[in-house]
Protein backbone atom coordinates (compact mmCIF):
# COMPACT_ATOMS: atom_id res chain seq x y z
CA UNK A 1 0.00 0.00 0.00
CA UNK A 2 1.20 3.54 -0.76
CA UNK A 3 2.36 6.05 1.81
CA UNK A 4 -0.42 7.43 4.05
CA UNK A 5 -2.18 10.62 3.05
CA UNK A 6 -1.71 13.08 5.90
CA UNK A 7 -4.43 15.63 6.56
CA UNK A 8 -4.55 18.67 8.81
CA UNK A 9 -7.92 19.96 9.98
CA UNK A 10 -8.59 23.63 10.69
CA UNK A 11 -11.78 24.02 12.70
CA UNK A 12 -13.16 21.45 15.13
CA UNK A 13 -16.78 22.47 15.36
CA UNK A 14 -19.65 20.17 14.47
CA UNK A 15 -18.23 19.18 11.09
CA UNK A 16 -14.59 19.01 12.16
CA UNK A 17 -15.40 16.78 15.11
CA UNK A 18 -17.58 14.66 12.83
CA UNK A 19 -14.69 14.22 10.41
CA UNK A 20 -12.32 13.14 13.18
CA UNK A 21 -14.92 10.62 14.32
CA UNK A 22 -15.44 9.32 10.77
CA UNK A 23 -11.73 8.85 10.10
CA UNK A 24 -11.28 7.19 13.50
CA UNK A 25 -14.26 4.85 13.15
CA UNK A 26 -13.75 3.90 9.49
CA UNK A 27 -9.98 4.15 9.15
CA UNK A 28 -9.50 0.60 7.86
CA UNK A 29 -12.32 0.87 5.32
CA UNK A 30 -11.06 4.26 4.13
CA UNK A 31 -7.59 2.83 3.56
CA UNK A 32 -9.01 -0.06 1.55
CA UNK A 33 -11.15 2.22 -0.61
CA UNK A 34 -8.49 4.87 -1.08
CA UNK A 35 -5.59 2.49 -1.59
CA UNK A 36 -3.65 4.15 1.22
CA UNK A 37 -4.18 5.07 4.85
CA UNK A 38 -5.67 8.46 5.67
CA UNK A 39 -4.12 9.92 8.82
CA UNK A 40 -4.98 13.07 10.74
CA UNK A 41 -1.56 14.46 11.57
CA UNK A 42 -2.49 17.92 12.88
CA UNK A 43 -5.50 19.94 14.00
CA UNK A 44 -6.20 23.56 14.87
CA UNK A 45 -9.14 25.28 16.55
CA UNK A 46 -9.91 28.13 18.91
CA UNK A 47 -10.07 26.20 22.17
CA UNK A 48 -7.88 23.17 22.73
CA UNK A 49 -9.71 22.21 25.93
CA UNK A 50 -13.27 22.30 24.56
CA UNK A 51 -15.34 19.13 24.97
CA UNK A 52 -16.04 17.92 21.44
CA UNK A 53 -16.89 14.31 22.23
CA UNK A 54 -13.72 13.10 20.48
CA UNK A 55 -10.23 12.20 21.63
CA UNK A 56 -7.62 14.41 19.97
CA UNK A 57 -4.98 14.06 22.67
CA UNK A 58 -2.62 12.13 20.38
CA UNK A 59 -2.96 14.52 17.42
CA UNK A 60 -0.44 17.38 17.15
CA UNK A 61 -2.10 20.75 17.82
CA UNK A 62 -1.45 24.10 16.12
CA UNK A 63 -2.72 27.25 17.84
CA UNK A 64 -2.43 29.12 14.54
CA UNK A 65 -4.38 27.47 11.70
CA UNK A 66 -2.04 29.06 9.16
CA UNK A 67 0.68 26.80 10.55
CA UNK A 68 -1.08 23.90 8.83
CA UNK A 69 -0.19 25.43 5.47
CA UNK A 70 3.49 25.47 6.40
CA UNK A 71 3.58 22.00 8.01
CA UNK A 72 5.74 19.76 5.81
CA UNK A 73 4.04 16.68 7.22
CA UNK A 74 0.63 17.61 5.83
CA UNK A 75 -0.55 16.69 2.33
CA UNK A 76 -4.13 18.01 2.55
CA UNK A 77 -5.45 20.99 4.48
CA UNK A 78 -9.13 20.64 5.43
CA UNK A 79 -10.59 24.10 6.00
CA UNK A 80 -13.66 24.05 8.27
CA UNK A 81 -13.35 27.51 9.78
CA UNK A 82 -15.99 29.27 7.69
CA UNK A 83 -16.38 32.79 6.36
CA UNK A 84 -15.68 34.19 2.92
CA UNK A 85 -12.54 36.06 3.94
CA UNK A 86 -10.10 36.32 6.83
CA UNK A 87 -8.28 33.27 8.16
CA UNK A 88 -10.20 30.77 6.03
CA UNK A 89 -9.23 32.47 2.77
CA UNK A 90 -5.66 33.10 3.94
CA UNK A 91 -5.25 29.45 4.92
CA UNK A 92 -6.51 28.11 1.60
CA UNK A 93 -4.33 30.48 -0.40
CA UNK A 94 -1.23 29.67 1.67
CA UNK A 95 -1.83 25.93 1.48
CA UNK A 96 -2.19 26.03 -2.30
CA UNK A 97 0.91 28.20 -2.62
CA UNK A 98 2.82 25.62 -0.58
CA UNK A 99 1.71 22.78 -2.84
CA UNK A 100 -0.94 21.27 -0.58
CA UNK A 101 -4.36 20.05 -1.60
CA UNK A 102 -7.31 21.86 0.00
CA UNK A 103 -10.71 20.47 0.97
CA UNK A 104 -13.37 22.82 2.32
CA UNK A 105 -17.01 22.89 3.38
CA UNK A 106 -17.04 26.69 3.18
CA UNK A 107 -19.74 27.76 0.69
CA UNK A 108 -19.21 31.49 1.31
CA UNK A 109 -15.52 31.16 0.46
CA UNK A 110 -16.20 29.21 -2.74
CA UNK A 111 -19.06 31.51 -3.80
CA UNK A 112 -16.93 34.64 -3.42
CA UNK A 113 -13.44 33.38 -4.31
CA UNK A 114 -13.95 30.03 -6.03
CA UNK A 115 -12.71 31.07 -9.45
CA UNK A 116 -9.48 32.60 -8.12
CA UNK A 117 -8.81 29.61 -5.87
CA UNK A 118 -9.44 27.21 -8.76
CA UNK A 119 -6.97 29.10 -10.96
CA UNK A 120 -4.37 29.03 -8.18
CA UNK A 121 -4.88 25.33 -7.39
CA UNK A 122 -4.76 24.17 -11.00
CA UNK A 123 -1.68 26.33 -11.56
CA UNK A 124 0.02 24.72 -8.57
CA UNK A 125 -0.98 21.21 -9.61
CA UNK A 126 -3.09 20.58 -6.51
CA UNK A 127 -6.77 19.94 -5.85
CA UNK A 128 -9.26 22.46 -4.44
CA UNK A 129 -12.31 20.39 -3.45
CA UNK A 130 -15.62 21.57 -2.00
CA UNK A 131 -18.27 18.84 -2.27
CA UNK A 132 -19.35 19.56 1.31
CA UNK A 133 -20.04 23.22 0.53
CA UNK A 134 -23.32 22.45 -1.27
CA UNK A 135 -26.13 20.25 0.05
CA UNK A 136 -24.02 18.39 2.61
CA UNK A 137 -24.46 14.66 2.13
CA UNK A 138 -25.89 14.92 -1.40
CA UNK A 139 -23.02 14.34 -3.88
CA UNK A 140 -24.28 16.98 -6.29
CA UNK A 141 -20.90 18.47 -7.24
CA UNK A 142 -19.53 15.08 -8.31
CA UNK A 143 -22.82 14.30 -10.06
CA UNK A 144 -22.79 17.48 -12.14
CA UNK A 145 -19.06 17.57 -12.76
CA UNK A 146 -18.50 13.89 -13.51
CA UNK A 147 -21.69 11.84 -13.70
CA UNK A 148 -23.36 14.31 -16.07
CA UNK A 149 -20.22 15.41 -17.91
CA UNK A 150 -21.67 14.10 -21.18
CA UNK A 151 -24.71 16.36 -20.93
CA UNK A 152 -25.44 19.97 -21.65
CA UNK A 153 -27.12 21.05 -18.42
CA UNK A 154 -30.11 23.25 -19.16
CA UNK A 155 -31.22 24.06 -15.63
CA UNK A 156 -30.32 23.25 -12.04
CA UNK A 157 -32.49 24.11 -9.08
CA UNK A 158 -33.38 22.91 -5.63
CA UNK A 159 -34.07 23.24 -1.95
CA UNK A 160 -30.63 24.14 -0.64
CA UNK A 161 -31.28 25.32 2.92
CA UNK A 162 -32.64 22.92 5.52
CA UNK A 163 -33.60 25.64 7.99
CA UNK A 164 -35.89 27.36 5.49
CA UNK A 165 -37.37 24.08 4.37
CA UNK A 166 -38.06 23.06 7.98
CA UNK A 167 -39.81 26.38 8.63
CA UNK A 168 -41.90 26.31 5.45
CA UNK A 169 -42.82 22.64 5.95
CA UNK A 170 -44.06 23.29 9.49
CA UNK A 171 -45.98 26.38 8.39
CA UNK A 172 -47.62 24.39 5.61
CA UNK A 173 -48.37 21.18 7.49
CA UNK A 174 -49.20 22.62 10.92
CA UNK A 175 -50.47 26.12 10.12
CA UNK A 176 -47.88 27.72 12.41
CA UNK A 177 -46.51 31.25 12.29
CA UNK A 178 -43.05 31.96 10.88
CA UNK A 179 -41.59 33.34 14.13
CA UNK A 180 -42.85 30.36 16.15
CA UNK A 181 -41.19 27.81 13.87
CA UNK A 182 -38.00 29.88 13.65
CA UNK A 183 -37.67 29.80 17.43
CA UNK A 184 -38.09 26.01 17.38
CA UNK A 185 -35.33 25.80 14.75
CA UNK A 186 -33.04 27.80 17.01
CA UNK A 187 -33.90 25.62 20.01
CA UNK A 188 -33.14 22.49 17.96
CA UNK A 189 -29.86 23.93 16.69
CA UNK A 190 -31.00 24.11 13.05
CA UNK A 191 -30.72 27.92 13.02
CA UNK A 192 -28.15 30.31 14.45
CA UNK A 193 -28.99 33.00 17.02
CA UNK A 194 -28.79 35.38 14.04
CA UNK A 195 -30.57 33.39 11.32
CA UNK A 196 -30.27 36.06 8.60
CA UNK A 197 -28.03 34.07 6.27
CA UNK A 198 -30.56 31.25 6.24
CA UNK A 199 -33.95 32.97 6.21
CA UNK A 200 -32.91 35.85 3.96
CA UNK A 201 -31.73 33.44 1.26
CA UNK A 202 -28.01 34.25 1.38
CA UNK A 203 -26.93 30.70 2.25
CA UNK A 204 -29.00 29.35 -0.65
CA UNK A 205 -27.51 31.99 -2.96
CA UNK A 206 -23.96 30.95 -2.05
CA UNK A 207 -24.76 27.35 -2.95
CA UNK A 208 -26.61 28.27 -6.13
CA UNK A 209 -23.67 30.33 -7.42
CA UNK A 210 -21.43 27.29 -6.99
CA UNK A 211 -23.89 24.92 -8.66
CA UNK A 212 -24.30 27.27 -11.62
CA UNK A 213 -20.54 27.39 -12.18
CA UNK A 214 -20.25 23.60 -12.23
CA UNK A 215 -23.40 23.10 -14.30
CA UNK A 216 -22.60 25.67 -16.98
CA UNK A 217 -18.79 25.90 -16.93
CA UNK A 218 -18.92 29.55 -15.95
CA UNK A 219 -17.06 31.73 -13.48
CA UNK A 220 -18.61 31.79 -10.02
CA UNK A 221 -20.69 34.97 -9.82
CA UNK A 222 -22.44 35.31 -6.47
CA UNK A 223 -23.08 39.02 -6.98
CA UNK A 224 -25.35 38.22 -9.93
CA UNK A 225 -27.75 36.09 -7.86
CA UNK A 226 -31.15 37.64 -7.19
CA UNK A 227 -31.94 36.93 -3.53
CA UNK A 228 -35.19 36.96 -1.57
CA UNK A 229 -35.90 35.26 1.74
CA UNK A 230 -38.92 33.86 3.52
CA UNK A 231 -39.63 36.39 6.28
CA UNK A 232 -42.77 37.64 4.53
CA UNK A 233 -44.42 34.22 4.07
CA UNK A 234 -47.54 33.70 6.23
CA UNK A 235 -49.73 30.67 7.05
CA UNK A 236 -52.38 32.32 4.88
CA UNK A 237 -50.06 32.06 1.88
CA UNK A 238 -49.58 28.38 2.67
CA UNK A 239 -53.33 27.85 2.86
CA UNK A 240 -54.03 29.55 -0.46
CA UNK A 241 -51.16 27.68 -2.12
CA UNK A 242 -52.62 24.37 -0.94
CA UNK A 243 -56.05 25.31 -2.28
CA UNK A 244 -54.41 25.85 -5.67
CA UNK A 245 -52.52 22.50 -5.39
CA UNK A 246 -49.13 24.09 -4.74
CA UNK A 247 -46.58 24.09 -1.94
CA UNK A 248 -44.32 27.03 -1.15
CA UNK A 249 -40.59 26.26 -1.15
CA UNK A 250 -37.50 28.46 -1.09
CA UNK A 251 -35.70 27.49 -4.29
CA UNK A 252 -32.40 28.37 -5.85
CA UNK A 253 -32.76 28.27 -9.64
CA UNK A 254 -30.08 28.69 -12.32
CA UNK A 255 -30.54 28.39 -16.07
CA UNK A 256 -28.80 29.53 -19.22
CA UNK A 257 -30.97 31.57 -21.57
CA UNK A 258 -30.22 33.06 -24.96
CA UNK A 259 -29.50 36.38 -23.26
CA UNK A 260 -27.32 35.06 -20.44
CA UNK A 261 -27.26 33.27 -17.09
CA UNK A 262 -30.22 33.62 -14.76
CA UNK A 263 -29.61 32.92 -11.07
CA UNK A 264 -32.41 33.55 -8.58
CA UNK A 265 -33.35 32.62 -5.03
CA UNK A 266 -36.90 33.22 -3.81
CA UNK A 267 -40.00 31.46 -2.47
CA UNK A 268 -41.74 29.54 -5.25
CA UNK A 269 -45.14 27.95 -5.77
CA UNK A 270 -44.23 24.33 -6.54
CA UNK A 271 -46.92 22.06 -8.05
CA UNK A 272 -47.88 19.27 -5.65
CA UNK A 273 -47.24 16.77 -8.46
CA UNK A 274 -43.53 17.68 -8.49
CA UNK A 275 -41.27 15.39 -6.41
CA UNK A 276 -39.51 18.38 -4.88
CA UNK A 277 -42.80 19.64 -3.42
CA UNK A 278 -42.77 16.74 -0.95
CA UNK A 279 -39.23 17.23 0.34
CA UNK A 280 -40.05 17.98 3.97
CA UNK A 281 -38.37 19.03 7.18
CA UNK A 282 -34.68 19.86 7.06
CA UNK A 283 -33.96 17.79 3.94
CA UNK A 284 -32.40 19.24 0.79
CA UNK A 285 -33.05 18.29 -2.83
CA UNK A 286 -31.41 19.20 -6.12
CA UNK A 287 -32.89 18.79 -9.60
CA UNK A 288 -30.81 18.91 -12.79
CA UNK A 289 -32.13 18.93 -16.35
CA UNK A 290 -29.71 17.56 -18.97
CA UNK A 291 -30.19 17.19 -22.70
CA UNK A 292 -29.45 13.44 -22.72
CA UNK A 293 -30.20 12.32 -19.16
CA UNK A 294 -33.46 14.31 -18.96
CA UNK A 295 -34.23 15.09 -15.30
CA UNK A 296 -32.54 13.73 -12.19
CA UNK A 297 -33.49 14.40 -8.58
CA UNK A 298 -31.18 13.96 -5.60
CA UNK A 299 -32.50 14.23 -2.04
CA UNK A 300 -30.86 13.96 1.36
CA UNK A 301 -29.55 15.72 4.41
CA UNK A 302 -27.90 18.99 3.51
CA UNK A 303 -26.21 19.80 6.81
CA UNK A 304 -25.09 18.33 10.11
CA UNK A 305 -21.97 16.60 11.35
CA UNK A 306 -22.49 13.26 9.63
CA UNK A 307 -23.59 14.29 6.13
CA UNK A 308 -21.06 17.12 5.84
CA UNK A 309 -18.18 15.06 7.22
CA UNK A 310 -19.13 12.33 4.74
CA UNK A 311 -18.80 14.80 1.86
CA UNK A 312 -15.44 16.06 3.14
CA UNK A 313 -14.20 12.47 3.44
CA UNK A 314 -15.27 11.74 -0.15
CA UNK A 315 -13.08 14.59 -1.40
CA UNK A 316 -10.15 13.40 0.70
CA UNK A 317 -10.54 9.87 -0.67
CA UNK A 318 -10.51 11.18 -4.25
CA UNK A 319 -7.23 12.96 -3.51
CA UNK A 320 -5.79 9.80 -1.93
CA UNK A 321 -6.74 7.86 -5.08
CA UNK A 322 -4.95 10.40 -7.25
CA UNK A 323 -8.10 11.48 -9.07
CA UNK A 324 -7.71 14.83 -10.77
CA UNK A 325 -10.76 16.66 -12.10
CA UNK A 326 -10.95 20.37 -13.00
CA UNK A 327 -12.32 22.29 -10.03
CA UNK A 328 -15.53 23.40 -11.75
CA UNK A 329 -15.67 20.71 -14.42
CA UNK A 330 -13.58 22.52 -17.04
CA UNK A 331 -10.06 23.95 -16.71
CA UNK A 332 -10.24 27.14 -14.65
CA UNK A 333 -8.67 29.17 -17.46
CA UNK A 334 -11.56 28.12 -19.72
CA UNK A 335 -14.41 29.07 -17.38
CA UNK A 336 -16.83 31.23 -19.32
CA UNK A 337 -17.97 34.72 -18.41
CA UNK A 338 -21.72 34.64 -19.02
CA UNK A 339 -23.72 37.85 -18.87
CA UNK A 340 -26.11 37.86 -15.91
CA UNK A 341 -29.84 38.13 -16.52
CA UNK A 342 -31.48 40.58 -14.13
CA UNK A 343 -34.64 39.55 -12.31
CA UNK A 344 -36.49 42.33 -14.12
CA UNK A 345 -36.08 40.28 -17.32
CA UNK A 346 -37.64 37.14 -15.86
CA UNK A 347 -41.01 36.08 -17.23
CA UNK A 348 -43.18 33.61 -15.34
CA UNK A 349 -46.39 33.00 -13.45
CA UNK A 350 -46.83 34.69 -10.09
CA UNK A 351 -49.15 34.86 -7.10
CA UNK A 352 -50.66 37.99 -5.56
CA UNK A 353 -52.60 37.99 -2.30
CA UNK A 354 -55.08 40.85 -1.86
CA UNK A 355 -57.24 41.39 1.20
CA UNK A 356 -60.60 42.84 0.19
CA UNK A 357 -62.85 44.26 2.90
């Protein structure tokens, strides 16, 4: 068997701890599947003494996560810090510059800097992988980039935020108010104390920008995504939608038109006959339309320690196997610049609620 693949993990929150647990529990199976052992040879986080439910006492510790990029004993840096800039971005750039592969679950980083990081990684001959950044345990990046490589993708859309889907599902099925369900989400740990990124559609927009780049071979363009959230949805809207045989879902939708690339995030009336209408609770789902494959639907858990750690591990295994695939499906230097289509140029059916007294 080949030399072990040594990984260093920056960030030991829910996902980082989940990854340590996965590698510890399935080490033998991972080695068999990857053709070499996968060893965690260094970690870094804010608080060394925090109780994470894992034993890291035997793993070398770095107080400064940037030290992982300079550690000669590390082959792959796993960035699980989060945030589009700051330490996360600095770590990824330094690791690539030092000839290390990078795996991340950071959708904000990829949405804002994915093109530049892809150019840098491909120029350095290393991998920049991000399966875990979109839809957690659903292997949608690999599906679009590899499984559907023989297709021209016409449209990709889906439920990309479990918090919003949980809220809308409860409002629809139980007739509850938005604020009531949001509080339950926060109590259950599905939503942060400040849930703006989730309920205002920003998290979905980050993921959609990444999906659009992979689906259409274009530069990542988060700034071109039209974004609306779900704060204004009421149980009355849910009731009227049901009477019309629809369900309301927050969707991210990307499609290439004759006049450019349309990327939009907003609540949608989804026909009850559509499979995606019945994706409930905190689940995610992604739909892709290809010219030869027709329509495929992938559904699963989009967040959480297990699903996200699973996606990170899949990227690490690909690196251990020596698999090399362009970051966004085509060489970074050949990513297209596609003119964005403004929301004002979108044509489609819509719903208006008027109260007449």
